[in-house]
Amino acid sequence: MGLEDLALLRYIQDKLGGSIKLRSGVKAYRYRLHNKEGMRLLIKCINGEIRHSTRLNQLHKVCQVLGEEVIKPNTITKDSN
């Protein structure tokens, strides 16, 4: 994430744990989450919201490792908000 998003990353870190490091060579931060409880909480927050096929495949893999069930996202229609 960009340098302007540090406050958001700190908020996420307060809720889930993990580490924030400045990436070398670019003006960006990297957030990493290593503990299982934080990962389970993150999955509860984003499960059912991911629509991008690559990210959905990644979510499936993480859920398999942690033994969590994947919630399929709702179909988007022209009447969706």
N, C-alpha and C. Protein backbone atom coordinates (compact mmCIF):
# COMPACT_ATOMS: atom_id res chain seq x y z
N MET A 1 0.85 -1.17 0.00
CA MET A 1 0.00 0.00 0.00
C MET A 1 0.89 1.23 0.00
N GLY A 2 0.35 2.30 -0.50
CA GLY A 2 1.09 3.54 -0.59
C GLY A 2 1.36 4.16 0.77
N LEU A 3 2.25 5.13 0.79
CA LEU A 3 2.64 5.79 2.04
C LEU A 3 1.46 6.48 2.72
N GLU A 4 0.50 6.93 1.94
CA GLU A 4 -0.66 7.64 2.50
C GLU A 4 -1.62 6.69 3.23
N ASP A 5 -1.43 5.39 3.08
CA ASP A 5 -2.33 4.41 3.69
C ASP A 5 -1.81 3.85 5.01
N LEU A 6 -0.78 4.45 5.56
CA LEU A 6 -0.19 3.93 6.80
C LEU A 6 -1.20 3.92 7.95
N ALA A 7 -2.03 4.93 8.06
CA ALA A 7 -3.02 4.98 9.15
C ALA A 7 -3.99 3.80 9.05
N LEU A 8 -4.42 3.46 7.85
CA LEU A 8 -5.30 2.32 7.64
C LEU A 8 -4.59 1.01 8.00
N LEU A 9 -3.34 0.88 7.59
CA LEU A 9 -2.59 -0.32 7.92
C LEU A 9 -2.41 -0.46 9.44
N ARG A 10 -2.17 0.64 10.13
CA ARG A 10 -2.04 0.60 11.60
C ARG A 10 -3.36 0.17 12.24
N TYR A 11 -4.49 0.64 11.70
CA TYR A 11 -5.80 0.24 12.21
C TYR A 11 -6.00 -1.27 12.05
N ILE A 12 -5.68 -1.79 10.87
CA ILE A 12 -5.80 -3.22 10.61
C ILE A 12 -4.86 -3.99 11.53
N GLN A 13 -3.66 -3.51 11.71
CA GLN A 13 -2.69 -4.16 12.58
C GLN A 13 -3.20 -4.21 14.02
N ASP A 14 -3.84 -3.14 14.49
CA ASP A 14 -4.41 -3.13 15.85
C ASP A 14 -5.48 -4.19 16.02
N LYS A 15 -6.26 -4.44 14.98
CA LYS A 15 -7.36 -5.40 15.06
C LYS A 15 -6.89 -6.85 14.88
N LEU A 16 -5.93 -7.08 13.96
CA LEU A 16 -5.56 -8.44 13.59
C LEU A 16 -4.15 -8.87 14.02
N GLY A 17 -3.30 -7.91 14.31
CA GLY A 17 -1.89 -8.23 14.57
C GLY A 17 -1.11 -8.13 13.28
N GLY A 18 0.06 -8.73 13.25
CA GLY A 18 0.88 -8.71 12.05
C GLY A 18 1.95 -7.65 12.10
N SER A 19 2.63 -7.45 10.98
CA SER A 19 3.73 -6.49 10.93
C SER A 19 3.60 -5.61 9.69
N ILE A 20 4.12 -4.40 9.81
CA ILE A 20 4.15 -3.43 8.72
C ILE A 20 5.60 -3.03 8.50
N LYS A 21 6.05 -3.12 7.27
CA LYS A 21 7.43 -2.75 6.94
C LYS A 21 7.44 -1.89 5.69
N LEU A 22 8.34 -0.93 5.68
CA LEU A 22 8.55 -0.11 4.50
C LEU A 22 9.32 -0.93 3.48
N ARG A 23 8.82 -0.98 2.25
CA ARG A 23 9.48 -1.75 1.20
C ARG A 23 10.65 -0.95 0.65
N SER A 24 11.72 -1.63 0.37
CA SER A 24 12.91 -0.94 -0.14
C SER A 24 12.76 -0.69 -1.64
N GLY A 25 13.18 0.48 -2.06
CA GLY A 25 13.18 0.80 -3.48
C GLY A 25 11.88 1.38 -4.01
N VAL A 26 10.81 1.30 -3.24
CA VAL A 26 9.53 1.86 -3.67
C VAL A 26 8.90 2.59 -2.48
N LYS A 27 7.99 3.48 -2.77
CA LYS A 27 7.32 4.22 -1.71
C LYS A 27 6.03 3.50 -1.34
N ALA A 28 6.19 2.38 -0.61
CA ALA A 28 5.04 1.57 -0.25
C ALA A 28 5.35 0.79 1.03
N TYR A 29 4.27 0.37 1.69
CA TYR A 29 4.38 -0.47 2.88
C TYR A 29 3.87 -1.87 2.56
N ARG A 30 4.41 -2.86 3.28
CA ARG A 30 3.95 -4.23 3.16
C ARG A 30 3.38 -4.64 4.52
N TYR A 31 2.19 -5.23 4.48
CA TYR A 31 1.55 -5.74 5.70
C TYR A 31 1.57 -7.26 5.63
N ARG A 32 2.02 -7.89 6.70
CA ARG A 32 2.05 -9.35 6.77
C ARG A 32 1.37 -9.81 8.04
N LEU A 33 0.57 -10.85 7.89
CA LEU A 33 -0.16 -11.43 9.00
C LEU A 33 0.29 -12.88 9.15
N HIS A 34 0.80 -13.24 10.32
CA HIS A 34 1.40 -14.56 10.50
C HIS A 34 0.65 -15.46 11.48
N ASN A 35 -0.19 -14.91 12.35
CA ASN A 35 -0.82 -15.76 13.36
C ASN A 35 -2.16 -16.30 12.87
N LYS A 36 -2.48 -17.53 13.30
CA LYS A 36 -3.69 -18.22 12.82
C LYS A 36 -4.97 -17.52 13.27
N GLU A 37 -5.01 -17.02 14.50
CA GLU A 37 -6.23 -16.36 14.97
C GLU A 37 -6.52 -15.11 14.15
N GLY A 38 -5.48 -14.34 13.85
CA GLY A 38 -5.64 -13.16 13.01
C GLY A 38 -6.11 -13.53 11.61
N MET A 39 -5.58 -14.64 11.07
CA MET A 39 -6.00 -15.10 9.74
C MET A 39 -7.46 -15.53 9.75
N ARG A 40 -7.88 -16.21 10.81
CA ARG A 40 -9.28 -16.63 10.91
C ARG A 40 -10.21 -15.42 10.97
N LEU A 41 -9.81 -14.41 11.74
CA LEU A 41 -10.62 -13.19 11.84
C LEU A 41 -10.67 -12.46 10.50
N LEU A 42 -9.54 -12.39 9.81
CA LEU A 42 -9.50 -11.77 8.49
C LEU A 42 -10.42 -12.49 7.51
N ILE A 43 -10.39 -13.82 7.54
CA ILE A 43 -11.25 -14.60 6.64
C ILE A 43 -12.72 -14.34 6.96
N LYS A 44 -13.07 -14.25 8.24
CA LYS A 44 -14.46 -13.93 8.60
C LYS A 44 -14.88 -12.58 8.04
N CYS A 45 -13.95 -11.63 8.01
CA CYS A 45 -14.26 -10.28 7.52
C CYS A 45 -14.42 -10.22 6.00
N ILE A 46 -13.62 -10.99 5.27
CA ILE A 46 -13.64 -10.86 3.80
C ILE A 46 -14.36 -11.99 3.09
N ASN A 47 -14.68 -13.08 3.81
CA ASN A 47 -15.33 -14.23 3.18
C ASN A 47 -16.69 -13.82 2.62
N GLY A 48 -16.93 -14.13 1.37
CA GLY A 48 -18.18 -13.76 0.71
C GLY A 48 -18.11 -12.43 -0.01
N GLU A 49 -16.98 -11.71 0.13
CA GLU A 49 -16.82 -10.39 -0.50
C GLU A 49 -15.86 -10.41 -1.69
N ILE A 50 -15.08 -11.47 -1.85
CA ILE A 50 -14.07 -11.56 -2.90
C ILE A 50 -14.71 -12.04 -4.20
N ARG A 51 -14.47 -11.31 -5.29
CA ARG A 51 -15.05 -11.69 -6.58
C ARG A 51 -14.00 -11.96 -7.65
N HIS A 52 -12.82 -11.39 -7.52
CA HIS A 52 -11.76 -11.59 -8.51
C HIS A 52 -11.32 -13.06 -8.47
N SER A 53 -11.29 -13.70 -9.63
CA SER A 53 -11.06 -15.14 -9.70
C SER A 53 -9.72 -15.57 -9.09
N THR A 54 -8.66 -14.81 -9.31
CA THR A 54 -7.36 -15.15 -8.76
C THR A 54 -7.39 -15.05 -7.23
N ARG A 55 -7.98 -13.98 -6.71
CA ARG A 55 -8.06 -13.79 -5.26
C ARG A 55 -8.98 -14.83 -4.63
N LEU A 56 -10.02 -15.22 -5.33
CA LEU A 56 -10.94 -16.23 -4.82
C LEU A 56 -10.23 -17.59 -4.71
N ASN A 57 -9.40 -17.92 -5.69
CA ASN A 57 -8.60 -19.15 -5.63
C ASN A 57 -7.64 -19.11 -4.44
N GLN A 58 -7.02 -17.96 -4.19
CA GLN A 58 -6.12 -17.83 -3.06
C GLN A 58 -6.88 -18.00 -1.75
N LEU A 59 -8.09 -17.44 -1.66
CA LEU A 59 -8.91 -17.57 -0.47
C LEU A 59 -9.27 -19.04 -0.23
N HIS A 60 -9.59 -19.76 -1.30
CA HIS A 60 -9.90 -21.19 -1.19
C HIS A 60 -8.73 -21.95 -0.57
N LYS A 61 -7.51 -21.66 -1.03
CA LYS A 61 -6.32 -22.36 -0.52
C LYS A 61 -6.11 -22.07 0.97
N VAL A 62 -6.26 -20.81 1.36
CA VAL A 62 -6.07 -20.44 2.76
C VAL A 62 -7.15 -21.09 3.62
N CYS A 63 -8.39 -21.09 3.14
CA CYS A 63 -9.48 -21.71 3.89
C CYS A 63 -9.27 -23.21 4.05
N GLN A 64 -8.73 -23.87 3.05
CA GLN A 64 -8.44 -25.30 3.16
C GLN A 64 -7.42 -25.57 4.25
N VAL A 65 -6.38 -24.76 4.31
CA VAL A 65 -5.33 -24.93 5.31
C VAL A 65 -5.88 -24.70 6.72
N LEU A 66 -6.75 -23.69 6.87
CA LEU A 66 -7.27 -23.35 8.19
C LEU A 66 -8.55 -24.11 8.54
N GLY A 67 -9.09 -24.87 7.58
CA GLY A 67 -10.31 -25.63 7.84
C GLY A 67 -11.56 -24.77 7.90
N GLU A 68 -11.56 -23.67 7.18
CA GLU A 68 -12.71 -22.76 7.13
C GLU A 68 -13.51 -23.01 5.86
N GLU A 69 -14.79 -22.71 5.91
CA GLU A 69 -15.66 -22.86 4.75
C GLU A 69 -15.66 -21.57 3.93
N VAL A 70 -15.59 -21.71 2.62
CA VAL A 70 -15.61 -20.54 1.74
C VAL A 70 -17.05 -20.18 1.42
N ILE A 71 -17.38 -18.90 1.57
CA ILE A 71 -18.71 -18.40 1.24
C ILE A 71 -18.63 -17.80 -0.16
N LYS A 72 -19.47 -18.26 -1.07
CA LYS A 72 -19.47 -17.72 -2.43
C LYS A 72 -20.10 -16.33 -2.42
N PRO A 73 -19.55 -15.39 -3.20
CA PRO A 73 -20.12 -14.04 -3.22
C PRO A 73 -21.47 -14.01 -3.92
N ASN A 74 -22.28 -13.05 -3.54
CA ASN A 74 -23.58 -12.85 -4.19
C ASN A 74 -23.35 -12.42 -5.63
N THR A 75 -24.25 -12.82 -6.49
CA THR A 75 -24.17 -12.44 -7.90
C THR A 75 -24.53 -10.96 -8.04
N ILE A 76 -23.72 -10.25 -8.83
CA ILE A 76 -23.98 -8.84 -9.08
C ILE A 76 -24.92 -8.70 -10.24
N THR A 77 -25.98 -7.92 -10.07
CA THR A 77 -26.91 -7.63 -11.16
C THR A 77 -26.97 -6.15 -11.39
N LYS A 78 -27.72 -5.74 -12.39
CA LYS A 78 -27.81 -4.29 -12.66
C LYS A 78 -28.57 -3.57 -11.55
N ASP A 79 -29.34 -4.31 -10.74
CA ASP A 79 -30.09 -3.70 -9.65
C ASP A 79 -29.33 -3.73 -8.32
N SER A 80 -28.12 -4.33 -8.31
CA SER A 80 -27.32 -4.36 -7.08
C SER A 80 -26.85 -2.97 -6.71
N ASN A 81 -26.67 -2.75 -5.44
CA ASN A 81 -26.16 -1.44 -4.99
C ASN A 81 -24.70 -1.43 -5.13
